[in-house]
Amino acid sequence: MTRLRMRTIRAMSPEHLEETILDSQGELAKLRVDLAKGTQRKHHGKIKPLRRDIARMLTRQGELRRE
């Protein structure tokens, strides 16, 4: 998954945003399992940007709830 900018996230519909959050959280869980098993060599730099993307999406989701 590529890095998401806030402009892109704001353009998403609430349903698409929810789906993207769930997909990203699943991918993060998979990366964490690989890291714990010690099999993660190529993707060691993907966790931090993915966490930040999820945080951006959750921030936007909170904004939509407050509106």
Protein backbone atom coordinates (compact mmCIF):
# COMPACT_ATOMS: atom_id res chain seq x y z
CA MET A 1 0.00 0.00 0.00
CA THR A 2 1.32 3.44 -0.86
CA ARG A 3 1.55 6.33 1.55
CA LEU A 4 -1.69 8.25 1.84
CA ARG A 5 -1.87 12.00 1.98
CA MET A 6 -4.57 13.79 3.93
CA ARG A 7 -5.91 15.23 0.67
CA THR A 8 -6.52 11.70 -0.61
CA ILE A 9 -8.08 10.59 2.67
CA ARG A 10 -10.46 13.55 2.72
CA ALA A 11 -11.64 12.64 -0.78
CA MET A 12 -12.68 9.14 0.35
CA SER A 13 -16.26 8.30 1.17
CA PRO A 14 -16.91 7.22 4.77
CA GLU A 15 -17.55 3.63 3.65
CA HIS A 16 -14.36 3.47 1.61
CA LEU A 17 -12.43 5.02 4.50
CA GLU A 18 -13.70 2.35 6.91
CA GLU A 19 -12.76 -0.41 4.46
CA THR A 20 -9.28 1.04 3.95
CA ILE A 21 -8.72 1.31 7.70
CA LEU A 22 -9.65 -2.35 8.22
CA ASP A 23 -7.38 -3.46 5.36
CA SER A 24 -4.48 -1.42 6.69
CA GLN A 25 -4.93 -2.73 10.22
CA GLY A 26 -4.91 -6.28 8.88
CA GLU A 27 -1.73 -5.62 6.94
CA LEU A 28 -0.13 -4.08 10.04
CA ALA A 29 -1.06 -7.13 12.11
CA LYS A 30 0.50 -9.40 9.48
CA LEU A 31 3.70 -7.35 9.44
CA ARG A 32 3.91 -7.47 13.23
CA VAL A 33 3.52 -11.25 13.23
CA ASP A 34 6.27 -11.55 10.63
CA LEU A 35 8.48 -9.30 12.73
CA ALA A 36 7.87 -11.41 15.84
CA LYS A 37 8.66 -14.60 13.92
CA GLY A 38 11.83 -13.08 12.54
CA THR A 39 10.86 -13.59 8.90
CA GLN A 40 10.52 -9.91 8.08
CA ARG A 41 13.64 -8.80 6.28
CA LYS A 42 12.47 -6.93 3.18
CA HIS A 43 9.62 -5.00 4.77
CA HIS A 44 11.25 -3.73 7.96
CA GLY A 45 10.55 -0.09 7.01
CA LYS A 46 6.84 -0.50 6.31
CA ILE A 47 5.48 -0.57 9.85
CA LYS A 48 6.04 3.07 10.83
CA PRO A 49 4.54 4.65 7.66
CA LEU A 50 1.59 2.24 7.83
CA ARG A 51 0.91 3.18 11.46
CA ARG A 52 0.95 6.85 10.49
CA ASP A 53 -1.43 6.27 7.58
CA ILE A 54 -3.84 4.45 9.90
CA ALA A 55 -3.61 7.35 12.36
CA ARG A 56 -4.43 9.83 9.59
CA MET A 57 -7.44 7.79 8.52
CA LEU A 58 -8.69 7.44 12.09
CA THR A 59 -8.29 11.19 12.57
CA ARG A 60 -10.43 11.83 9.48
CA GLN A 61 -13.00 9.31 10.69
CA GLY A 62 -13.22 11.22 13.99
CA GLU A 63 -13.66 14.48 12.11
CA LEU A 64 -16.55 12.99 10.17
CA ARG A 65 -18.23 11.82 13.37
CA ARG A 66 -17.99 15.28 14.91
CA GLU A 67 -19.55 16.96 11.87
